[in-house]
N, C-alpha and C. Protein backbone atom coordinates (compact mmCIF):
# COMPACT_ATOMS: atom_id res chain seq x y z
N MET A 1 41.10 -36.14 49.07
CA MET A 1 40.52 -37.23 48.23
C MET A 1 40.41 -36.84 46.73
N HIS A 2 41.01 -37.57 45.93
CA HIS A 2 41.17 -37.42 44.47
C HIS A 2 39.76 -37.78 43.74
N LEU A 3 39.39 -36.73 43.02
CA LEU A 3 37.98 -36.97 42.31
C LEU A 3 38.38 -37.41 40.84
N THR A 4 37.81 -38.57 40.51
CA THR A 4 37.97 -38.93 39.12
C THR A 4 36.95 -38.38 38.09
N LYS A 5 37.14 -38.64 36.98
CA LYS A 5 36.13 -38.16 35.95
C LYS A 5 34.69 -38.69 36.29
N ARG A 6 34.71 -40.00 36.69
CA ARG A 6 33.41 -40.64 37.08
C ARG A 6 32.71 -39.92 38.25
N HIS A 7 33.52 -39.49 39.11
CA HIS A 7 32.92 -38.68 40.30
C HIS A 7 32.36 -37.41 39.77
N TYR A 8 33.02 -36.77 38.91
CA TYR A 8 32.53 -35.45 38.38
C TYR A 8 31.13 -35.70 37.67
N LEU A 9 31.21 -36.81 36.98
CA LEU A 9 29.98 -37.12 36.12
C LEU A 9 28.74 -37.40 37.15
N ARG A 10 29.07 -38.10 38.20
CA ARG A 10 27.93 -38.50 39.11
C ARG A 10 27.44 -37.30 39.77
N ILE A 11 28.43 -36.19 40.17
CA ILE A 11 27.99 -35.03 40.88
C ILE A 11 27.18 -34.24 39.93
N GLY A 12 27.58 -34.10 38.58
CA GLY A 12 26.90 -33.29 37.57
C GLY A 12 25.61 -33.85 37.41
N GLY A 13 25.45 -35.13 37.38
CA GLY A 13 24.13 -35.88 37.13
C GLY A 13 23.20 -35.49 38.32
N ALA A 14 23.79 -35.61 39.61
CA ALA A 14 23.02 -35.31 40.77
C ALA A 14 22.37 -33.96 40.70
N ILE A 15 23.24 -32.96 40.36
CA ILE A 15 22.95 -31.50 40.25
C ILE A 15 21.57 -31.39 39.30
N LEU A 16 21.87 -32.03 38.18
CA LEU A 16 20.74 -31.81 37.08
C LEU A 16 19.50 -32.43 37.60
N LEU A 17 19.45 -33.69 38.25
CA LEU A 17 18.40 -34.34 38.71
C LEU A 17 17.70 -33.45 39.73
N THR A 18 18.60 -32.90 40.67
CA THR A 18 17.87 -31.94 41.60
C THR A 18 17.23 -30.86 41.04
N ALA A 19 17.86 -30.09 40.01
CA ALA A 19 17.26 -28.99 39.31
C ALA A 19 15.98 -29.36 38.73
N ALA A 20 15.95 -30.54 38.01
CA ALA A 20 14.78 -30.97 37.32
C ALA A 20 13.59 -31.20 38.34
N SER A 21 13.93 -31.81 39.39
CA SER A 21 12.88 -32.09 40.40
C SER A 21 12.37 -30.85 41.13
N THR A 22 13.23 -29.81 41.18
CA THR A 22 12.95 -28.59 41.84
C THR A 22 11.94 -27.89 40.75
N LEU A 23 12.16 -27.89 39.45
CA LEU A 23 11.39 -27.26 38.52
C LEU A 23 10.09 -27.87 38.34
N SER A 24 10.05 -29.25 38.34
CA SER A 24 8.80 -30.05 38.31
C SER A 24 7.96 -29.81 39.55
N ALA A 25 8.64 -29.69 40.75
CA ALA A 25 7.77 -29.36 41.92
C ALA A 25 7.10 -28.02 41.91
N ALA A 26 7.93 -27.04 41.32
CA ALA A 26 7.36 -25.52 41.24
C ALA A 26 6.33 -25.69 40.27
N THR A 27 6.38 -26.22 39.19
CA THR A 27 5.31 -26.48 38.17
C THR A 27 4.06 -26.99 38.83
N LEU A 28 4.25 -27.98 39.73
CA LEU A 28 3.01 -28.71 40.28
C LEU A 28 2.41 -27.74 41.25
N ARG A 29 3.28 -26.88 42.02
CA ARG A 29 2.80 -25.92 43.05
C ARG A 29 1.94 -24.82 42.57
N ASP A 30 2.39 -24.36 41.45
CA ASP A 30 1.60 -23.26 40.80
C ASP A 30 0.64 -23.70 39.85
N GLY A 31 0.43 -24.86 39.60
CA GLY A 31 -0.63 -25.44 38.89
C GLY A 31 -0.51 -25.21 37.43
N SER A 32 0.66 -24.95 36.86
CA SER A 32 0.82 -24.53 35.53
C SER A 32 1.11 -25.80 34.64
N ASP A 33 0.67 -25.77 33.51
CA ASP A 33 0.94 -26.85 32.47
C ASP A 33 1.47 -26.31 31.21
N PRO A 34 2.68 -26.74 30.80
CA PRO A 34 3.21 -26.27 29.51
C PRO A 34 2.51 -26.76 28.21
N VAL A 35 2.31 -25.77 27.54
CA VAL A 35 1.40 -26.12 26.12
C VAL A 35 2.34 -25.43 25.13
N MET A 36 2.57 -26.21 24.05
CA MET A 36 3.20 -25.81 22.83
C MET A 36 2.23 -25.30 21.82
N LEU A 37 2.56 -24.08 21.43
CA LEU A 37 1.73 -23.47 20.25
C LEU A 37 2.53 -23.83 19.00
N PRO A 38 1.97 -24.58 18.02
CA PRO A 38 2.81 -24.91 16.90
C PRO A 38 2.93 -23.79 15.89
N GLU A 39 3.85 -23.97 15.00
CA GLU A 39 4.21 -23.10 14.00
C GLU A 39 2.90 -22.76 13.27
N HIS A 40 2.80 -21.47 12.77
CA HIS A 40 1.70 -20.99 12.13
C HIS A 40 0.38 -20.65 12.84
N THR A 41 0.69 -20.76 14.20
CA THR A 41 -0.43 -20.29 14.91
C THR A 41 -0.73 -18.93 14.91
N ALA A 42 -1.94 -18.35 14.66
CA ALA A 42 -2.31 -17.13 14.56
C ALA A 42 -2.45 -16.21 15.73
N ILE A 43 -1.76 -15.18 15.80
CA ILE A 43 -1.88 -14.29 17.08
C ILE A 43 -2.52 -12.97 16.53
N HIS A 44 -3.78 -12.61 17.01
CA HIS A 44 -4.30 -11.49 16.62
C HIS A 44 -4.12 -10.30 17.59
N VAL A 45 -3.84 -9.06 17.21
CA VAL A 45 -3.49 -8.04 18.21
C VAL A 45 -4.11 -6.75 17.57
N THR A 46 -4.44 -5.69 18.48
CA THR A 46 -4.61 -4.33 17.91
C THR A 46 -3.54 -3.56 18.56
N LEU A 47 -3.16 -2.51 17.59
CA LEU A 47 -2.07 -1.53 18.09
C LEU A 47 -2.51 -0.74 19.30
N ASP A 48 -1.52 -0.45 20.10
CA ASP A 48 -1.74 0.51 21.20
C ASP A 48 -1.35 1.93 20.88
N GLN A 49 -0.69 1.96 19.74
CA GLN A 49 -0.12 3.31 19.29
C GLN A 49 -0.13 3.29 17.90
N ALA A 50 0.05 4.68 17.19
CA ALA A 50 -0.07 4.81 15.76
C ALA A 50 1.33 4.51 15.26
N LEU A 51 1.36 3.99 14.07
CA LEU A 51 2.64 3.84 13.27
C LEU A 51 2.42 4.35 11.90
N ALA A 52 3.58 4.87 11.25
CA ALA A 52 3.40 5.39 9.88
C ALA A 52 4.87 5.32 9.23
N THR A 53 4.99 5.08 7.96
CA THR A 53 6.17 4.89 7.26
C THR A 53 6.97 6.08 7.21
N ASN A 54 6.37 7.22 7.49
CA ASN A 54 7.12 8.69 7.35
C ASN A 54 7.63 8.90 8.77
N GLN A 55 7.17 8.17 9.84
CA GLN A 55 7.62 8.43 11.27
C GLN A 55 8.43 7.26 11.83
N SER A 56 8.01 6.04 11.50
CA SER A 56 8.60 4.86 12.13
C SER A 56 9.89 4.50 11.34
N ARG A 57 10.83 3.76 12.12
CA ARG A 57 12.11 3.45 11.48
C ARG A 57 12.34 1.98 11.81
N PRO A 58 13.13 1.27 11.00
CA PRO A 58 13.48 -0.34 11.41
C PRO A 58 14.18 -0.27 12.68
N GLY A 59 13.68 -1.13 13.57
CA GLY A 59 14.27 -1.16 14.89
C GLY A 59 13.36 -0.65 15.99
N ASP A 60 12.50 0.20 15.58
CA ASP A 60 11.49 0.99 16.53
C ASP A 60 10.61 -0.23 17.16
N HIS A 61 10.31 -0.02 18.47
CA HIS A 61 9.36 -1.03 19.00
C HIS A 61 8.00 -0.43 19.28
N PHE A 62 7.00 -1.28 19.33
CA PHE A 62 5.64 -0.87 19.48
C PHE A 62 4.85 -1.68 20.37
N ASP A 63 3.80 -1.26 21.03
CA ASP A 63 2.99 -1.93 21.91
C ASP A 63 1.82 -2.36 21.37
N ALA A 64 1.18 -3.50 21.65
CA ALA A 64 0.07 -4.04 21.08
C ALA A 64 -0.70 -4.78 22.23
N THR A 65 -1.99 -5.15 21.99
CA THR A 65 -2.74 -6.01 22.90
C THR A 65 -3.43 -7.11 22.07
N VAL A 66 -3.35 -8.29 22.74
CA VAL A 66 -3.93 -9.47 22.04
C VAL A 66 -5.60 -9.21 22.00
N SER A 67 -6.20 -9.31 20.87
CA SER A 67 -7.58 -9.13 20.65
C SER A 67 -8.32 -10.39 20.63
N GLU A 68 -7.76 -11.59 20.36
CA GLU A 68 -8.49 -12.87 20.36
C GLU A 68 -7.64 -13.85 21.15
N PRO A 69 -8.40 -14.59 22.11
CA PRO A 69 -7.61 -15.60 22.80
C PRO A 69 -7.01 -16.71 21.92
N VAL A 70 -5.76 -17.15 22.14
CA VAL A 70 -5.30 -18.24 21.52
C VAL A 70 -5.62 -19.55 22.31
N VAL A 71 -6.49 -20.44 21.61
CA VAL A 71 -6.86 -21.78 22.40
C VAL A 71 -6.29 -22.87 21.67
N VAL A 72 -5.86 -23.86 22.50
CA VAL A 72 -5.39 -25.15 22.06
C VAL A 72 -5.98 -26.25 22.95
N ASN A 73 -6.80 -27.11 22.32
CA ASN A 73 -7.41 -28.25 22.99
C ASN A 73 -8.21 -27.87 24.19
N GLY A 74 -8.91 -26.79 23.85
CA GLY A 74 -9.85 -26.16 24.91
C GLY A 74 -9.29 -25.34 25.93
N LYS A 75 -7.84 -25.18 25.91
CA LYS A 75 -7.15 -24.49 27.02
C LYS A 75 -6.72 -23.02 26.35
N THR A 76 -6.97 -21.99 27.13
CA THR A 76 -6.67 -20.66 26.59
C THR A 76 -5.16 -20.47 26.90
N VAL A 77 -4.34 -20.40 25.97
CA VAL A 77 -2.94 -20.34 26.08
C VAL A 77 -2.52 -18.87 26.20
N ILE A 78 -2.98 -17.95 25.47
CA ILE A 78 -2.75 -16.69 25.41
C ILE A 78 -4.13 -15.90 25.50
N PRO A 79 -4.39 -15.28 26.66
CA PRO A 79 -5.68 -14.68 26.87
C PRO A 79 -5.92 -13.38 26.12
N GLN A 80 -7.18 -13.09 25.95
CA GLN A 80 -7.48 -11.72 25.16
C GLN A 80 -7.07 -10.72 26.19
N GLY A 81 -6.49 -9.68 25.79
CA GLY A 81 -6.08 -8.58 26.70
C GLY A 81 -4.60 -8.70 27.03
N ALA A 82 -3.92 -9.81 26.74
CA ALA A 82 -2.50 -9.87 27.01
C ALA A 82 -1.71 -8.80 26.32
N HIS A 83 -0.67 -8.36 26.98
CA HIS A 83 0.21 -7.32 26.30
C HIS A 83 1.24 -8.08 25.42
N ALA A 84 1.52 -7.50 24.38
CA ALA A 84 2.47 -7.76 23.42
C ALA A 84 3.43 -6.63 23.05
N GLU A 85 4.68 -7.01 22.59
CA GLU A 85 5.51 -6.05 22.09
C GLU A 85 6.11 -6.49 20.68
N GLY A 86 6.07 -5.51 19.76
CA GLY A 86 6.52 -5.78 18.49
C GLY A 86 7.63 -4.82 18.03
N LEU A 87 8.22 -5.27 16.81
CA LEU A 87 9.41 -4.56 16.24
C LEU A 87 9.01 -4.17 14.79
N VAL A 88 9.45 -2.91 14.54
CA VAL A 88 9.31 -2.45 13.06
C VAL A 88 10.45 -3.01 12.46
N VAL A 89 10.18 -4.00 11.47
CA VAL A 89 11.32 -4.85 10.74
C VAL A 89 11.64 -3.96 9.54
N ASP A 90 10.80 -3.30 8.80
CA ASP A 90 11.16 -2.48 7.72
C ASP A 90 10.15 -1.39 7.66
N ALA A 91 10.57 -0.04 7.32
CA ALA A 91 9.74 0.99 7.05
C ALA A 91 10.34 1.99 6.04
N ARG A 92 9.63 2.03 4.82
CA ARG A 92 10.25 2.98 3.81
C ARG A 92 9.16 3.99 3.58
N GLN A 93 9.59 5.21 3.48
CA GLN A 93 8.72 6.21 3.13
C GLN A 93 8.29 6.32 1.58
N SER A 94 7.10 6.80 1.44
CA SER A 94 6.77 6.92 0.06
C SER A 94 7.49 8.00 -0.68
N GLY A 95 7.89 7.90 -1.90
CA GLY A 95 8.38 9.05 -2.73
C GLY A 95 7.23 9.82 -3.07
N ARG A 96 7.73 11.05 -3.69
CA ARG A 96 6.60 11.87 -4.16
C ARG A 96 6.16 11.69 -5.56
N LEU A 97 7.08 11.24 -6.45
CA LEU A 97 6.64 10.87 -7.74
C LEU A 97 6.79 9.29 -8.11
N MET A 98 7.52 8.63 -7.30
CA MET A 98 7.73 7.24 -7.48
C MET A 98 8.23 6.58 -6.02
N GLY A 99 8.21 5.23 -6.01
CA GLY A 99 8.73 4.59 -4.89
C GLY A 99 7.57 4.51 -3.83
N ARG A 100 7.06 3.14 -3.68
CA ARG A 100 5.82 2.87 -2.92
C ARG A 100 6.40 2.83 -1.32
N ALA A 101 5.52 3.05 -0.52
CA ALA A 101 5.81 3.07 0.84
C ALA A 101 5.66 1.43 1.35
N ARG A 102 6.46 1.14 2.27
CA ARG A 102 6.56 -0.33 2.68
C ARG A 102 6.61 -0.36 4.22
N LEU A 103 5.85 -1.15 4.90
CA LEU A 103 5.90 -1.37 6.32
C LEU A 103 5.74 -2.91 6.64
N LYS A 104 6.77 -3.34 7.49
CA LYS A 104 6.71 -4.74 7.81
C LYS A 104 6.94 -4.82 9.41
N LEU A 105 6.03 -5.67 10.02
CA LEU A 105 6.11 -5.59 11.51
C LEU A 105 6.28 -7.18 11.90
N ALA A 106 6.71 -7.20 13.17
CA ALA A 106 6.87 -8.61 13.74
C ALA A 106 6.64 -8.41 15.30
N LEU A 107 5.90 -9.50 15.86
CA LEU A 107 5.86 -9.58 17.22
C LEU A 107 7.11 -10.15 17.90
N GLN A 108 7.54 -9.55 18.99
CA GLN A 108 8.72 -10.00 19.71
C GLN A 108 8.48 -10.83 21.09
N THR A 109 7.48 -10.25 21.88
CA THR A 109 7.21 -11.00 23.13
C THR A 109 5.75 -10.91 23.36
N VAL A 110 5.26 -11.78 24.19
CA VAL A 110 3.83 -11.80 24.57
C VAL A 110 3.90 -11.99 26.20
N ASP A 111 3.17 -11.23 26.95
CA ASP A 111 3.04 -11.47 28.41
C ASP A 111 1.97 -12.38 28.82
N VAL A 112 2.09 -13.43 29.42
CA VAL A 112 1.09 -14.33 29.90
C VAL A 112 1.32 -14.57 31.41
N ASN A 113 0.37 -14.17 32.22
CA ASN A 113 0.38 -14.36 33.60
C ASN A 113 1.66 -13.78 34.21
N GLY A 114 2.08 -12.72 33.67
CA GLY A 114 3.20 -11.94 34.29
C GLY A 114 4.47 -12.34 33.84
N GLN A 115 4.51 -13.44 32.88
CA GLN A 115 5.84 -13.79 32.31
C GLN A 115 5.91 -13.51 30.83
N ASN A 116 6.95 -13.07 30.48
CA ASN A 116 7.23 -12.74 29.03
C ASN A 116 7.74 -13.87 28.31
N TYR A 117 7.23 -14.09 27.16
CA TYR A 117 7.64 -15.22 26.28
C TYR A 117 8.12 -14.68 24.92
N ASP A 118 9.35 -15.04 24.53
CA ASP A 118 9.78 -14.64 23.15
C ASP A 118 9.16 -15.33 22.10
N VAL A 119 8.73 -14.65 21.09
CA VAL A 119 8.10 -15.30 19.91
C VAL A 119 8.66 -14.85 18.73
N ARG A 120 8.70 -15.61 17.78
CA ARG A 120 9.13 -15.24 16.30
C ARG A 120 7.89 -15.52 15.47
N THR A 121 7.67 -14.27 14.74
CA THR A 121 6.41 -14.32 13.89
C THR A 121 6.73 -13.84 12.55
N ILE A 122 5.84 -14.24 11.62
CA ILE A 122 5.76 -13.77 10.24
C ILE A 122 4.38 -12.98 10.03
N SER A 123 4.56 -11.99 9.07
CA SER A 123 3.41 -11.34 8.67
C SER A 123 3.63 -10.70 7.25
N ASN A 124 2.64 -10.53 6.43
CA ASN A 124 2.82 -9.89 5.08
C ASN A 124 3.01 -8.36 5.27
N PRO A 125 4.07 -7.99 4.44
CA PRO A 125 4.31 -6.49 4.46
C PRO A 125 3.15 -5.77 3.89
N ARG A 126 2.98 -4.46 4.39
CA ARG A 126 2.07 -3.61 3.71
C ARG A 126 2.73 -2.81 2.76
N ILE A 127 2.18 -2.68 1.58
CA ILE A 127 2.79 -1.92 0.53
C ILE A 127 1.84 -0.82 0.07
N GLY A 128 2.33 0.53 -0.02
CA GLY A 128 1.54 1.60 -0.37
C GLY A 128 1.05 1.56 -1.85
N ARG A 129 0.10 2.48 -2.11
CA ARG A 129 -0.49 2.50 -3.31
C ARG A 129 0.66 3.09 -4.40
N ASP A 130 0.43 2.77 -5.64
CA ASP A 130 1.27 3.22 -6.85
C ASP A 130 1.01 4.69 -7.08
N HIS A 131 2.11 5.36 -7.62
CA HIS A 131 1.98 6.68 -7.94
C HIS A 131 1.46 6.98 -9.44
N LYS A 132 1.86 6.07 -10.18
CA LYS A 132 1.84 6.44 -11.62
C LYS A 132 0.52 6.89 -12.27
N LYS A 133 -0.50 6.21 -11.98
CA LYS A 133 -1.76 6.55 -12.55
C LYS A 133 -2.23 7.87 -12.10
N ARG A 134 -2.09 8.11 -10.72
CA ARG A 134 -2.67 9.36 -10.26
C ARG A 134 -1.71 10.54 -10.79
N ASN A 135 -0.37 10.31 -10.88
CA ASN A 135 0.43 11.41 -11.31
C ASN A 135 0.20 11.73 -12.71
N TRP A 136 0.02 10.82 -13.66
CA TRP A 136 -0.28 10.96 -14.95
C TRP A 136 -1.58 11.74 -15.18
N GLU A 137 -2.70 11.46 -14.19
CA GLU A 137 -3.88 12.07 -14.28
C GLU A 137 -3.69 13.58 -13.94
N TRP A 138 -2.83 13.79 -12.97
CA TRP A 138 -2.62 15.39 -12.64
C TRP A 138 -1.94 15.98 -13.72
N ILE A 139 -0.78 15.43 -14.22
CA ILE A 139 -0.04 15.98 -15.30
C ILE A 139 -0.80 16.15 -16.64
N GLY A 140 -1.44 14.99 -17.04
CA GLY A 140 -2.41 15.15 -18.14
C GLY A 140 -3.50 16.05 -18.07
N GLY A 141 -4.14 16.10 -16.94
CA GLY A 141 -5.25 16.97 -16.65
C GLY A 141 -4.87 18.40 -16.66
N GLY A 142 -3.62 18.70 -16.11
CA GLY A 142 -3.04 20.04 -16.10
C GLY A 142 -2.68 20.44 -17.55
N ALA A 143 -2.20 19.57 -18.38
CA ALA A 143 -1.93 19.88 -19.69
C ALA A 143 -3.13 20.29 -20.61
N ALA A 144 -4.12 19.43 -20.26
CA ALA A 144 -5.46 19.74 -21.07
C ALA A 144 -6.14 21.12 -20.63
N GLY A 145 -6.04 21.36 -19.30
CA GLY A 145 -6.69 22.50 -18.81
C GLY A 145 -5.83 23.68 -19.24
N GLY A 146 -4.58 23.58 -19.39
CA GLY A 146 -3.67 24.69 -19.80
C GLY A 146 -3.97 24.97 -21.38
N ALA A 147 -4.12 23.95 -22.09
CA ALA A 147 -4.38 24.13 -23.58
C ALA A 147 -5.70 24.82 -23.77
N VAL A 148 -6.66 24.36 -22.92
CA VAL A 148 -8.10 25.00 -23.16
C VAL A 148 -8.06 26.46 -22.72
N ILE A 149 -7.34 26.84 -21.71
CA ILE A 149 -7.20 28.23 -21.28
C ILE A 149 -6.44 29.01 -22.31
N GLY A 150 -5.30 28.47 -22.82
CA GLY A 150 -4.46 29.13 -23.72
C GLY A 150 -5.28 29.27 -24.96
N ALA A 151 -6.16 28.36 -25.49
CA ALA A 151 -6.77 28.52 -26.78
C ALA A 151 -7.86 29.60 -26.61
N LEU A 152 -8.43 29.66 -25.43
CA LEU A 152 -9.47 30.70 -25.22
C LEU A 152 -8.70 32.11 -25.33
N ALA A 153 -7.55 32.16 -24.75
CA ALA A 153 -6.85 33.36 -24.54
C ALA A 153 -6.27 33.76 -25.94
N GLY A 154 -5.58 32.84 -26.65
CA GLY A 154 -4.86 33.30 -27.85
C GLY A 154 -4.87 32.40 -29.04
N GLY A 155 -5.87 31.57 -29.04
CA GLY A 155 -6.12 30.84 -30.20
C GLY A 155 -5.12 29.72 -30.17
N GLY A 156 -4.57 29.17 -31.44
CA GLY A 156 -3.66 28.06 -31.49
C GLY A 156 -2.37 28.07 -30.81
N THR A 157 -1.87 29.44 -30.97
CA THR A 157 -0.64 29.73 -30.26
C THR A 157 -0.69 29.55 -28.78
N GLY A 158 -1.79 30.20 -28.34
CA GLY A 158 -1.96 30.04 -26.89
C GLY A 158 -2.17 28.68 -26.30
N ALA A 159 -2.83 27.89 -27.23
CA ALA A 159 -3.00 26.38 -26.81
C ALA A 159 -1.56 25.75 -26.82
N LEU A 160 -0.75 26.02 -27.74
CA LEU A 160 0.66 25.38 -27.72
C LEU A 160 1.46 25.84 -26.45
N ILE A 161 1.22 27.11 -26.05
CA ILE A 161 1.98 27.61 -24.71
C ILE A 161 1.33 27.09 -23.40
N GLY A 162 -0.14 27.08 -23.62
CA GLY A 162 -0.74 26.71 -22.30
C GLY A 162 -0.64 25.27 -22.04
N GLY A 163 -0.56 24.35 -23.04
CA GLY A 163 -0.30 22.89 -22.73
C GLY A 163 0.84 22.62 -21.78
N PRO A 164 2.10 23.02 -22.25
CA PRO A 164 3.17 22.79 -21.43
C PRO A 164 3.17 23.31 -20.02
N VAL A 165 2.56 24.58 -20.00
CA VAL A 165 2.49 25.29 -18.71
C VAL A 165 1.56 24.58 -17.81
N GLY A 166 0.40 24.15 -18.36
CA GLY A 166 -0.45 23.28 -17.50
C GLY A 166 0.14 22.00 -17.08
N ALA A 167 0.93 21.23 -18.06
CA ALA A 167 1.50 20.09 -17.52
C ALA A 167 2.37 20.37 -16.48
N GLY A 168 3.15 21.50 -16.46
CA GLY A 168 4.14 21.76 -15.42
C GLY A 168 3.42 22.00 -14.24
N ALA A 169 2.23 22.59 -14.20
CA ALA A 169 1.40 22.96 -13.12
C ALA A 169 0.96 21.62 -12.57
N GLY A 170 0.41 20.66 -13.35
CA GLY A 170 0.06 19.37 -12.91
C GLY A 170 1.12 18.51 -12.28
N ALA A 171 2.32 18.61 -12.75
CA ALA A 171 3.53 17.92 -12.19
C ALA A 171 3.74 18.47 -10.79
N THR A 172 3.60 19.91 -10.68
CA THR A 172 3.89 20.45 -9.48
C THR A 172 2.87 20.00 -8.51
N VAL A 173 1.62 19.77 -8.79
CA VAL A 173 0.54 19.41 -7.88
C VAL A 173 0.95 17.96 -7.51
N ALA A 174 1.26 17.11 -8.41
CA ALA A 174 1.66 15.70 -8.17
C ALA A 174 2.81 15.55 -7.28
N LEU A 175 3.67 16.51 -7.48
CA LEU A 175 4.95 16.51 -6.60
C LEU A 175 4.63 16.75 -5.18
N VAL A 176 3.64 17.72 -4.96
CA VAL A 176 3.34 18.27 -3.70
C VAL A 176 2.42 17.31 -2.94
N THR A 177 1.58 16.65 -3.68
CA THR A 177 0.61 15.81 -3.01
C THR A 177 0.77 14.40 -3.28
N GLY A 178 1.87 13.99 -3.82
CA GLY A 178 2.02 12.66 -4.24
C GLY A 178 2.57 11.59 -3.33
N LYS A 179 2.82 12.08 -2.14
CA LYS A 179 3.38 11.13 -1.18
C LYS A 179 2.24 10.15 -0.67
N LYS A 180 2.43 8.81 -0.57
CA LYS A 180 1.46 7.88 -0.12
C LYS A 180 1.85 7.00 0.94
N ASP A 181 2.18 7.64 2.09
CA ASP A 181 2.67 6.78 3.15
C ASP A 181 1.69 6.03 3.83
N ILE A 182 2.04 4.86 4.49
CA ILE A 182 1.09 4.02 5.20
C ILE A 182 0.91 4.38 6.64
N LYS A 183 -0.24 4.69 7.03
CA LYS A 183 -0.54 5.04 8.43
C LYS A 183 -1.45 4.25 9.13
N LEU A 184 -1.04 3.62 10.05
CA LEU A 184 -1.86 2.79 11.03
C LEU A 184 -2.14 3.44 12.32
N ARG A 185 -3.52 3.62 12.52
CA ARG A 185 -3.89 4.36 13.71
C ARG A 185 -3.96 3.38 14.88
N ALA A 186 -3.90 3.93 16.05
CA ALA A 186 -4.08 2.99 17.28
C ALA A 186 -5.34 2.16 17.16
N GLU A 187 -5.28 1.10 17.81
CA GLU A 187 -6.35 0.01 17.65
C GLU A 187 -6.66 -0.63 16.34
N THR A 188 -5.68 -0.37 15.29
CA THR A 188 -5.64 -1.07 14.08
C THR A 188 -5.45 -2.60 14.38
N PRO A 189 -6.23 -3.51 13.73
CA PRO A 189 -6.17 -4.81 14.03
C PRO A 189 -5.01 -5.41 13.11
N LEU A 190 -4.08 -6.32 13.67
CA LEU A 190 -3.17 -6.98 12.82
C LEU A 190 -2.96 -8.35 13.16
N LYS A 191 -2.68 -9.18 12.27
CA LYS A 191 -2.42 -10.61 12.44
C LYS A 191 -1.13 -11.10 12.22
N PHE A 192 -0.56 -11.82 13.03
CA PHE A 192 0.80 -12.46 12.97
C PHE A 192 0.66 -14.10 12.98
N GLU A 193 1.65 -14.65 12.55
CA GLU A 193 1.67 -16.17 12.69
C GLU A 193 3.08 -16.58 13.22
N LEU A 194 3.07 -17.54 14.00
CA LEU A 194 4.32 -17.95 14.57
C LEU A 194 5.18 -18.66 13.46
N ALA A 195 6.48 -18.20 13.42
CA ALA A 195 7.45 -18.73 12.41
C ALA A 195 8.07 -20.07 13.13
N GLU A 196 7.89 -20.26 14.45
CA GLU A 196 8.38 -21.38 15.05
C GLU A 196 7.62 -21.77 16.28
N PRO A 197 7.49 -22.88 16.83
CA PRO A 197 6.78 -23.17 18.01
C PRO A 197 7.29 -22.56 19.18
N VAL A 198 6.40 -22.28 20.23
CA VAL A 198 6.75 -21.60 21.46
C VAL A 198 5.85 -22.28 22.64
N THR A 199 6.55 -22.64 23.66
CA THR A 199 5.92 -23.35 24.77
C THR A 199 5.48 -22.29 25.83
N ILE A 200 4.42 -22.30 26.35
CA ILE A 200 3.96 -21.31 27.30
C ILE A 200 3.14 -22.11 28.35
N ASN A 201 3.44 -21.76 29.61
CA ASN A 201 2.88 -22.35 30.85
C ASN A 201 1.65 -21.80 31.15
N VAL A 202 0.66 -22.68 31.09
CA VAL A 202 -0.78 -22.22 31.20
C VAL A 202 -1.24 -22.81 32.55
N LYS A 203 -1.79 -21.77 33.33
CA LYS A 203 -2.42 -22.33 34.64
C LYS A 203 -3.77 -22.95 34.46
N GLY A 204 -3.76 -24.04 35.41
CA GLY A 204 -4.90 -25.03 35.30
C GLY A 204 -6.08 -24.30 35.88
């Protein structure tokens, strides 16, 4: 029997119809109802592990737990306690004298009723504290202290010598203690927003 293009179209349509019917029947049997979470829906989680800019690297994964249920029209779509997995998008260490630490995270999946759903989220990056004010305080304070000690020890000449020496000591302290990395402990609360809608099957 020679099959024409029309026959193939009919066969393909029948297969699609059967698959759709099977999926619909399965949905009815397990009592699930697909609910779409719109863009910008907030997902609140707490970290299951610690993260830090001097340890984490872009591409690292982390585990988290949903801390607040996501509810739409009275239905709990993502329950509190659901497991989530995230990704370290960006992690930059703090420099010692300059360069702020930066940490950006995103959620990748959320587990609802044993099924993983891919999600795309956005969140504001965390930026570490600036070095400049603190470093100048150390350097300036070291210079002033050195000048006082120098003046007490050797008058004006001692002050001239003591100032630069004190400034050098202050710079050394700033160099040694100046790193300001971002460190998030386990159970740190985080908020993410959906970058695009996602549909999740909710059991009735």
